[in-house]
PDB file of N, CA and C in Angstrom:
ATOM      1  N   MET A   1       1.063  -1.341   0.586  1.00  0.00           N
ATOM      2  CA  MET A   1       0.044  -0.459  -0.134  1.00  0.00           C
ATOM      3  C   MET A   1       1.398   1.059   0.162  1.00  0.00           C
ATOM      4  N   SER A   2       1.156   2.178  -1.070  1.00  0.00           N
ATOM      5  CA  SER A   2       1.379   3.224  -0.398  1.00  0.00           C
ATOM      6  C   SER A   2       0.974   4.646  -0.112  1.00  0.00           C
ATOM      7  N   GLU A   3       1.977   5.321   0.156  1.00  0.00           N
ATOM      8  CA  GLU A   3       1.598   6.614   1.453  1.00  0.00           C
ATOM      9  C   GLU A   3       0.322   7.394   1.032  1.00  0.00           C
ATOM     10  N   PRO A   4       0.166   8.011   1.961  1.00  0.00           N
ATOM     11  CA  PRO A   4      -0.844   9.171   1.271  1.00  0.00           C
ATOM     12  C   PRO A   4       0.155  10.390   0.730  1.00  0.00           C
ATOM     13  N   ALA A   5      -0.424  11.247  -0.417  1.00  0.00           N
ATOM     14  CA  ALA A   5       0.381  12.171  -0.807  1.00  0.00           C
ATOM     15  C   ALA A   5       0.500  13.058   0.199  1.00  0.00           C
ATOM     16  N   ALA A   6       1.719  14.412   0.541  1.00  0.00           N
ATOM     17  CA  ALA A   6       2.351  14.590   1.326  1.00  0.00           C
ATOM     18  C   ALA A   6       1.856  16.126   0.943  1.00  0.00           C
ATOM     19  N   ARG A   7       0.947  16.152   2.058  1.00  0.00           N
ATOM     20  CA  ARG A   7      -0.077  17.956   2.043  1.00  0.00           C
ATOM     21  C   ARG A   7       0.823  18.783   2.064  1.00  0.00           C
ATOM     22  N   SER A   8       0.686  20.054   1.345  1.00  0.00           N
ATOM     23  CA  SER A   8       1.809  21.169   1.747  1.00  0.00           C
ATOM     24  C   SER A   8       0.447  22.507   2.811  1.00  0.00           C
ATOM     25  N   TRP A   9       0.817  22.050   4.135  1.00  0.00           N
ATOM     26  CA  TRP A   9       0.443  22.972   5.155  1.00  0.00           C
ATOM     27  C   TRP A   9       0.904  24.301   5.307  1.00  0.00           C
ATOM     28  N   VAL A  10       0.642  25.264   5.524  1.00  0.00           N
ATOM     29  CA  VAL A  10       1.000  26.485   6.286  1.00  0.00           C
ATOM     30  C   VAL A  10       1.171  26.863   7.488  1.00  0.00           C
ATOM     31  N   GLU A  11       1.914  27.315   8.038  1.00  0.00           N
ATOM     32  CA  GLU A  11       2.465  26.793   9.715  1.00  0.00           C
ATOM     33  C   GLU A  11       1.169  27.814   9.787  1.00  0.00           C
ATOM     34  N   PRO A  12       0.624  27.535  10.830  1.00  0.00           N
ATOM     35  CA  PRO A  12      -0.525  28.304  11.490  1.00  0.00           C
ATOM     36  C   PRO A  12      -0.095  29.566  12.403  1.00  0.00           C
ATOM     37  N   ALA A  13       1.726  29.808  12.849  1.00  0.00           N
ATOM     38  CA  ALA A  13       2.000  31.192  12.843  1.00  0.00           C
ATOM     39  C   ALA A  13       1.479  31.996  11.447  1.00  0.00           C
ATOM     40  N   THR A  14       1.478  31.655  10.679  1.00  0.00           N
ATOM     41  CA  THR A  14       2.070  32.728   8.982  1.00  0.00           C
ATOM     42  C   THR A  14       0.682  32.738   8.723  1.00  0.00           C
ATOM     43  N   ILE A  15      -0.710  31.706   8.903  1.00  0.00           N
ATOM     44  CA  ILE A  15      -1.745  32.190   8.694  1.00  0.00           C
ATOM     45  C   ILE A  15      -2.892  33.359   9.750  1.00  0.00           C
ATOM     46  N   GLU A  16      -1.878  33.102  10.619  1.00  0.00           N
ATOM     47  CA  GLU A  16      -3.228  34.098  12.078  1.00  0.00           C
ATOM     48  C   GLU A  16      -3.364  35.267  12.238  1.00  0.00           C
ATOM     49  N   PRO A  17      -2.203  35.601  11.986  1.00  0.00           N
ATOM     50  CA  PRO A  17      -2.180  37.491  11.265  1.00  0.00           C
ATOM     51  C   PRO A  17      -2.922  37.842  10.369  1.00  0.00           C
ATOM     52  N   VAL A  18      -2.868  36.883   9.195  1.00  0.00           N
ATOM     53  CA  VAL A  18      -4.513  37.374   8.283  1.00  0.00           C
ATOM     54  C   VAL A  18      -5.122  37.249   8.972  1.00  0.00           C
ATOM     55  N   VAL A  19      -6.159  35.958   9.048  1.00  0.00           N
ATOM     56  CA  VAL A  19      -7.206  35.658   9.618  1.00  0.00           C
ATOM     57  C   VAL A  19      -7.489  36.874  11.106  1.00  0.00           C
ATOM     58  N   GLU A  20      -6.365  37.155  11.841  1.00  0.00           N
ATOM     59  CA  GLU A  20      -6.744  38.385  12.917  1.00  0.00           C
ATOM     60  C   GLU A  20      -7.263  39.257  12.257  1.00  0.00           C
ATOM     61  N   ALA A  21      -6.843  40.061  10.756  1.00  0.00           N
ATOM     62  CA  ALA A  21      -6.844  40.723   9.822  1.00  0.00           C
ATOM     63  C   ALA A  21      -8.050  41.584   9.552  1.00  0.00           C
ATOM     64  N   GLN A  22      -8.668  39.845   8.929  1.00  0.00           N
ATOM     65  CA  GLN A  22      -9.812  39.684   8.427  1.00  0.00           C
ATOM     66  C   GLN A  22     -10.785  39.353   9.089  1.00  0.00           C
ATOM     67  N   LYS A  23     -10.950  39.442  10.342  1.00  0.00           N
ATOM     68  CA  LYS A  23     -11.690  39.062  11.294  1.00  0.00           C
ATOM     69  C   LYS A  23     -12.635  40.250  11.570  1.00  0.00           C
ATOM     70  N   LYS A  24     -11.650  41.590  11.306  1.00  0.00           N
ATOM     71  CA  LYS A  24     -12.703  42.734  11.908  1.00  0.00           C
ATOM     72  C   LYS A  24     -13.806  43.381  10.678  1.00  0.00           C
ATOM     73  N   ASP A  25     -13.679  42.315   9.209  1.00  0.00           N
ATOM     74  CA  ASP A  25     -15.070  42.414   8.291  1.00  0.00           C
ATOM     75  C   ASP A  25     -15.502  41.928   7.930  1.00  0.00           C
ATOM     76  N   VAL A  26     -15.690  40.647   8.732  1.00  0.00           N
ATOM     77  CA  VAL A  26     -16.825  40.094   8.606  1.00  0.00           C
ATOM     78  C   VAL A  26     -17.667  40.043  10.398  1.00  0.00           C
ATOM     79  N   ASP A  27     -18.768  40.068   9.422  1.00  0.00           N
ATOM     80  CA  ASP A  27     -20.136  40.638  10.870  1.00  0.00           C
ATOM     81  C   ASP A  27     -20.340  39.051  11.362  1.00  0.00           C
ATOM     82  N   ARG A  28     -19.858  38.335  12.234  1.00  0.00           N
ATOM     83  CA  ARG A  28     -20.188  37.101  12.546  1.00  0.00           C
ATOM     84  C   ARG A  28     -21.806  37.314  13.002  1.00  0.00           C
ATOM     85  N   THR A  29     -22.003  38.402  13.378  1.00  0.00           N
ATOM     86  CA  THR A  29     -24.166  37.793  14.197  1.00  0.00           C
ATOM     87  C   THR A  29     -24.103  37.455  12.915  1.00  0.00           C
ATOM     88  N   LEU A  30     -24.257  37.609  11.615  1.00  0.00           N
ATOM     89  CA  LEU A  30     -25.119  37.582  10.498  1.00  0.00           C
ATOM     90  C   LEU A  30     -24.601  35.494  10.320  1.00  0.00           C
ATOM     91  N   LEU A  31     -23.065  35.170  10.574  1.00  0.00           N
ATOM     92  CA  LEU A  31     -23.127  33.743  10.620  1.00  0.00           C
ATOM     93  C   LEU A  31     -23.892  33.525  11.467  1.00  0.00           C
ATOM     94  N   ARG A  32     -23.436  33.586  12.634  1.00  0.00           N
ATOM     95  CA  ARG A  32     -24.265  32.949  13.991  1.00  0.00           C
ATOM     96  C   ARG A  32     -26.370  32.882  13.866  1.00  0.00           C
ATOM     97  N   ALA A  33     -26.180  34.012  12.881  1.00  0.00           N
ATOM     98  CA  ALA A  33     -28.005  33.837  12.692  1.00  0.00           C
ATOM     99  C   ALA A  33     -27.821  32.852  11.707  1.00  0.00           C
ATOM    100  N   ASN A  34     -27.304  32.331  10.939  1.00  0.00           N
ATOM    101  CA  ASN A  34     -27.621  31.542   9.851  1.00  0.00           C
ATOM    102  C   ASN A  34     -27.057  29.778  10.339  1.00  0.00           C
ATOM    103  N   LEU A  35     -26.295  30.213  10.833  1.00  0.00           N
ATOM    104  CA  LEU A  35     -25.789  28.348  11.694  1.00  0.00           C
ATOM    105  C   LEU A  35     -27.451  28.256  12.663  1.00  0.00           C
ATOM    106  N   ALA A  36     -27.702  29.514  13.192  1.00  0.00           N
ATOM    107  CA  ALA A  36     -29.401  28.855  14.246  1.00  0.00           C
ATOM    108  C   ALA A  36     -30.187  28.452  13.162  1.00  0.00           C
ATOM    109  N   ARG A  37     -30.478  28.676  11.915  1.00  0.00           N
ATOM    110  CA  ARG A  37     -31.594  28.270  11.184  1.00  0.00           C
ATOM    111  C   ARG A  37     -31.333  26.664  10.846  1.00  0.00           C
ATOM    112  N   THR A  38     -32.234  26.007  10.629  1.00  0.00           N
ATOM    113  CA  THR A  38     -32.236  24.185  10.195  1.00  0.00           C
ATOM    114  C   THR A  38     -31.777  24.210   8.622  1.00  0.00           C
ATOM    115  N   VAL A  39     -31.286  23.468   7.919  1.00  0.00           N
ATOM    116  CA  VAL A  39     -30.780  23.525   6.744  1.00  0.00           C
ATOM    117  C   VAL A  39     -31.801  23.722   5.934  1.00  0.00           C
ATOM    118  N   GLU A  40     -33.277  23.170   6.210  1.00  0.00           N
ATOM    119  CA  GLU A  40     -34.510  23.747   5.427  1.00  0.00           C
ATOM    120  C   GLU A  40     -34.393  25.049   5.344  1.00  0.00           C
ATOM    121  N   GLU A  41     -34.666  25.718   5.932  1.00  0.00           N
ATOM    122  CA  GLU A  41     -34.449  27.193   6.018  1.00  0.00           C
ATOM    123  C   GLU A  41     -33.264  27.979   5.414  1.00  0.00           C
ATOM    124  N   ARG A  42     -32.401  27.341   5.405  1.00  0.00           N
ATOM    125  CA  ARG A  42     -30.749  27.892   4.772  1.00  0.00           C
ATOM    126  C   ARG A  42     -30.740  27.664   3.043  1.00  0.00           C
ATOM    127  N   VAL A  43     -31.576  26.417   2.997  1.00  0.00           N
ATOM    128  CA  VAL A  43     -31.865  26.490   1.584  1.00  0.00           C
ATOM    129  C   VAL A  43     -32.985  26.907   0.751  1.00  0.00           C
ATOM    130  N   GLN A  44     -34.031  27.372   1.672  1.00  0.00           N
ATOM    131  CA  GLN A  44     -34.821  28.434   1.710  1.00  0.00           C
ATOM    132  C   GLN A  44     -34.117  29.336   1.210  1.00  0.00           C
ATOM    133  N   ASN A  45     -33.777  29.740   1.873  1.00  0.00           N
ATOM    134  CA  ASN A  45     -32.956  31.671   1.808  1.00  0.00           C
ATOM    135  C   ASN A  45     -32.188  31.224   0.364  1.00  0.00           C
ATOM    136  N   LEU A  46     -31.281  29.653   0.418  1.00  0.00           N
ATOM    137  CA  LEU A  46     -30.902  29.849  -1.113  1.00  0.00           C
ATOM    138  C   LEU A  46     -31.987  30.578  -2.344  1.00  0.00           C
ATOM    139  N   GLY A  47     -32.657  29.657  -2.005  1.00  0.00           N
ATOM    140  CA  GLY A  47     -33.570  29.389  -3.586  1.00  0.00           C
ATOM    141  C   GLY A  47     -33.798  30.835  -3.235  1.00  0.00           C
ATOM    142  N   ARG A  48     -34.416  31.743  -2.733  1.00  0.00           N
ATOM    143  CA  ARG A  48     -34.933  33.425  -2.572  1.00  0.00           C
ATOM    144  C   ARG A  48     -33.485  33.890  -3.441  1.00  0.00           C
ATOM    145  N   LEU A  49     -32.548  33.438  -2.885  1.00  0.00           N
ATOM    146  CA  LEU A  49     -31.354  34.466  -3.095  1.00  0.00           C
ATOM    147  C   LEU A  49     -30.789  34.382  -4.905  1.00  0.00           C
ATOM    148  N   ARG A  50     -31.453  33.078  -4.935  1.00  0.00           N
ATOM    149  CA  ARG A  50     -31.380  32.295  -6.474  1.00  0.00           C
ATOM    150  C   ARG A  50     -32.528  33.548  -7.254  1.00  0.00           C
ATOM    151  N   ARG A  51     -32.909  33.011  -6.992  1.00  0.00           N
ATOM    152  CA  ARG A  51     -34.478  33.669  -7.594  1.00  0.00           C
ATOM    153  C   ARG A  51     -34.132  35.352  -7.701  1.00  0.00           C
ATOM    154  N   PHE A  52     -33.852  35.974  -6.747  1.00  0.00           N
ATOM    155  CA  PHE A  52     -33.843  37.217  -6.796  1.00  0.00           C
ATOM    156  C   PHE A  52     -32.719  37.677  -7.528  1.00  0.00           C
ATOM    157  N   VAL A  53     -31.346  36.308  -7.445  1.00  0.00           N
ATOM    158  CA  VAL A  53     -30.331  37.128  -9.120  1.00  0.00           C
ATOM    159  C   VAL A  53     -30.851  36.961 -10.139  1.00  0.00           C
ATOM    160  N   GLN A  54     -31.754  35.947 -10.699  1.00  0.00           N
ATOM    161  CA  GLN A  54     -32.175  35.898 -11.395  1.00  0.00           C
ATOM    162  C   GLN A  54     -32.774  37.270 -12.156  1.00  0.00           C
ATOM    163  N   GLU A  55     -34.109  37.334 -11.247  1.00  0.00           N
ATOM    164  CA  GLU A  55     -34.612  38.609 -11.741  1.00  0.00           C
ATOM    165  C   GLU A  55     -34.175  39.848 -11.721  1.00  0.00           C
ATOM    166  N   PHE A  56     -32.474  40.121 -11.245  1.00  0.00           N
ATOM    167  CA  PHE A  56     -32.136  41.760 -12.003  1.00  0.00           C
ATOM    168  C   PHE A  56     -31.346  41.222 -12.389  1.00  0.00           C
ATOM    169  N   ASP A  57     -31.190  39.813 -12.694  1.00  0.00           N
ATOM    170  CA  ASP A  57     -30.019  39.753 -14.113  1.00  0.00           C
ATOM    171  C   ASP A  57     -30.938  40.112 -15.623  1.00  0.00           C
ATOM    172  N   ALA A  58     -32.409  39.703 -15.301  1.00  0.00           N
ATOM    173  CA  ALA A  58     -32.612  39.954 -16.568  1.00  0.00           C
ATOM    174  C   ALA A  58     -33.643  41.257 -16.521  1.00  0.00           C
ATOM    175  N   ALA A  59     -33.669  42.034 -15.280  1.00  0.00           N
ATOM    176  CA  ALA A  59     -34.375  43.554 -16.040  1.00  0.00           C
ATOM    177  C   ALA A  59     -33.683  44.473 -16.523  1.00  0.00           C
ATOM    178  N   PRO A  60     -33.989  45.002 -17.454  1.00  0.00           N
ATOM    179  CA  PRO A  60     -33.467  45.782 -19.052  1.00  0.00           C
ATOM    180  C   PRO A  60     -32.324  46.766 -17.623  1.00  0.00           C
ATOM    181  N   GLY A  61     -31.254  46.923 -18.933  1.00  0.00           N
ATOM    182  CA  GLY A  61     -29.385  47.721 -18.767  1.00  0.00           C
ATOM    183  C   GLY A  61     -29.296  46.856 -17.035  1.00  0.00           C
ATOM    184  N   ARG A  62     -29.188  46.156 -16.834  1.00  0.00           N
ATOM    185  CA  ARG A  62     -28.671  45.393 -15.604  1.00  0.00           C
ATOM    186  C   ARG A  62     -27.762  44.315 -15.809  1.00  0.00           C
ATOM    187  N   GLY A  63     -27.149  43.727 -14.947  1.00  0.00           N
ATOM    188  CA  GLY A  63     -26.553  42.368 -15.436  1.00  0.00           C
ATOM    189  C   GLY A  63     -26.375  42.346 -16.286  1.00  0.00           C
ATOM    190  N   THR A  64     -25.899  41.121 -16.506  1.00  0.00           N
ATOM    191  CA  THR A  64     -25.864  40.528 -18.268  1.00  0.00           C
ATOM    192  C   THR A  64     -27.037  39.941 -18.706  1.00  0.00           C
ATOM    193  N   GLY A  65     -27.985  39.879 -18.226  1.00  0.00           N
ATOM    194  CA  GLY A  65     -29.145  39.652 -19.329  1.00  0.00           C
ATOM    195  C   GLY A  65     -29.981  40.389 -19.432  1.00  0.00           C
ATOM    196  N   GLY A  66     -31.358  40.756 -20.477  1.00  0.00           N
ATOM    197  CA  GLY A  66     -32.352  41.687 -19.942  1.00  0.00           C
ATOM    198  C   GLY A  66     -31.912  42.629 -21.037  1.00  0.00           C
ATOM    199  N   GLY A  67     -32.801  44.267 -21.935  1.00  0.00           N
ATOM    200  CA  GLY A  67     -32.499  44.787 -22.029  1.00  0.00           C
ATOM    201  C   GLY A  67     -30.977  45.637 -23.041  1.00  0.00           C
ATOM    202  N   PRO A  68     -30.821  46.967 -23.033  1.00  0.00           N
ATOM    203  CA  PRO A  68     -29.939  47.354 -23.506  1.00  0.00           C
ATOM    204  C   PRO A  68     -29.233  47.884 -22.703  1.00  0.00           C
TER     205      PRO A  68
END
């Protein structure tokens, strides 16, 4: 049996400053609220987002579809 391929990991000491710098730009309350939802609720929200994007895309002068 062959050994698994070696993974190239970045040292945690290198990652941590980047993560800490990005945390200030993340609204964790939204993440927590989403995680509190059931899987079904998350799928429904995703469907609403998809429909919104489709409507936006099809609007005249908007997105990649639609009018002039």
